[in-house]
Protein backbone atom coordinates (compact mmCIF):
# COMPACT_ATOMS: atom_id res chain seq x y z
CA MET A 1 5.50 2.56 12.43
CA PHE A 2 3.41 1.45 9.43
CA LYS A 3 3.67 -2.27 8.72
CA ILE A 4 2.52 -4.62 5.99
CA THR A 5 1.93 -8.32 6.54
CA ASP A 6 3.50 -11.06 4.45
CA GLU A 7 0.03 -12.12 3.26
CA ALA A 8 -0.72 -8.60 2.00
CA ILE A 9 2.58 -8.58 0.10
CA ILE A 10 1.80 -11.95 -1.47
CA GLN A 11 -1.63 -10.75 -2.57
CA PHE A 12 -0.32 -7.45 -3.96
CA LYS A 13 2.35 -9.28 -5.97
CA LYS A 14 -0.23 -11.77 -7.24
CA ALA A 15 -2.64 -9.01 -8.33
CA LEU A 16 0.11 -7.00 -10.02
CA SER A 17 1.42 -10.07 -11.83
CA GLU A 18 -2.04 -11.11 -13.04
CA ALA A 19 -2.60 -7.58 -14.37
CA GLY A 20 0.72 -7.69 -16.26
CA LEU A 21 2.20 -5.09 -13.91
CA ALA A 22 4.79 -7.20 -12.11
CA ASN A 23 7.33 -4.36 -12.32
CA HIS A 24 4.97 -1.93 -10.56
CA GLY A 25 4.47 -1.08 -6.92
CA VAL A 26 1.40 0.01 -5.00
CA ARG A 27 0.46 3.58 -4.12
CA ILE A 28 -1.60 4.24 -1.00
CA PHE A 29 -3.34 7.61 -0.90
CA ALA A 30 -6.41 9.41 0.40
CA SER A 31 -9.30 9.10 -2.02
CA SER A 32 -11.25 12.22 -2.88
CA CYS A 33 -14.44 10.25 -2.24
CA CYS A 34 -15.75 9.95 1.31
CA GLY A 35 -12.33 10.29 2.97
CA SER A 36 -11.43 6.69 2.22
CA ILE A 37 -8.03 5.22 1.43
CA ALA A 38 -7.28 4.17 -2.14
CA LEU A 39 -4.75 1.79 -3.67
CA SER A 40 -3.39 1.87 -7.20
CA ALA A 41 -0.60 0.26 -9.22
CA THR A 42 2.25 2.61 -10.06
CA GLU A 43 5.80 2.45 -11.35
CA ASN A 44 7.18 5.44 -9.48
CA GLY A 45 4.56 6.96 -7.18
CA GLU A 46 4.34 10.71 -6.72
CA GLU A 47 7.32 12.99 -6.08
CA ASP A 48 6.73 13.41 -2.33
CA ASP A 49 5.54 9.87 -1.58
CA ILE A 50 7.25 7.91 1.15
CA LEU A 51 8.74 4.72 -0.26
CA ILE A 52 8.70 1.50 1.73
CA GLU A 53 10.25 -1.59 0.19
CA GLN A 54 9.52 -4.97 1.70
CA ASN A 55 10.09 -8.41 0.16
CA GLN A 56 10.66 -6.84 -3.27
CA LEU A 57 7.37 -4.92 -3.19
CA LYS A 58 7.45 -1.12 -3.38
CA LEU A 59 4.79 0.79 -1.46
CA PHE A 60 4.43 4.49 -2.23
CA ILE A 61 2.51 6.26 0.54
CA ASP A 62 1.12 9.76 0.29
CA PRO A 63 3.01 11.76 2.95
CA THR A 64 -0.16 13.35 4.37
CA LEU A 65 -1.62 9.89 4.88
CA TYR A 66 1.58 8.34 6.22
CA SER A 67 1.35 10.08 9.61
CA GLN A 68 -2.23 8.84 10.01
CA LEU A 69 -1.08 5.28 9.27
CA SER A 70 1.95 5.37 11.57
CA ASN A 71 0.51 2.83 14.05
CA SER A 72 -1.30 0.70 11.47
CA VAL A 73 -0.91 -2.63 9.74
CA LEU A 74 -1.91 -3.32 6.14
CA ASP A 75 -3.15 -6.90 5.98
CA PHE A 76 -5.12 -9.20 3.68
CA GLN A 77 -8.20 -10.96 5.09
CA ASP A 78 -10.66 -11.65 2.25
CA GLY A 79 -9.50 -8.26 0.95
CA PHE A 80 -7.02 -5.59 1.94
CA VAL A 81 -7.61 -4.05 5.37
CA ILE A 82 -5.82 -1.46 7.43
CA ARG A 83 -6.04 -1.95 11.17
CA SER A 84 -4.43 -0.49 14.26
CA SER A 85 -1.27 -2.27 15.37
CA ASP A 86 -2.09 -1.51 19.03
């Protein structure tokens, strides 16, 4: 199962608030560049996104990426990182 740490949630909320987007969530999706993962602020995500709500933060995850992240943790360590939960 995909997890997000408390520190990552705190940092997302802080970044959204500082950008004047406190009512937004975060979308996680595959970037068209180099096969990397991208993050963006969004109010509603995309139609097929999988919604995860944790500590009043909404994460919208692209469904094709969600299965690849199923055993991962999104954390914040001098920046956002995704690592295996194994």
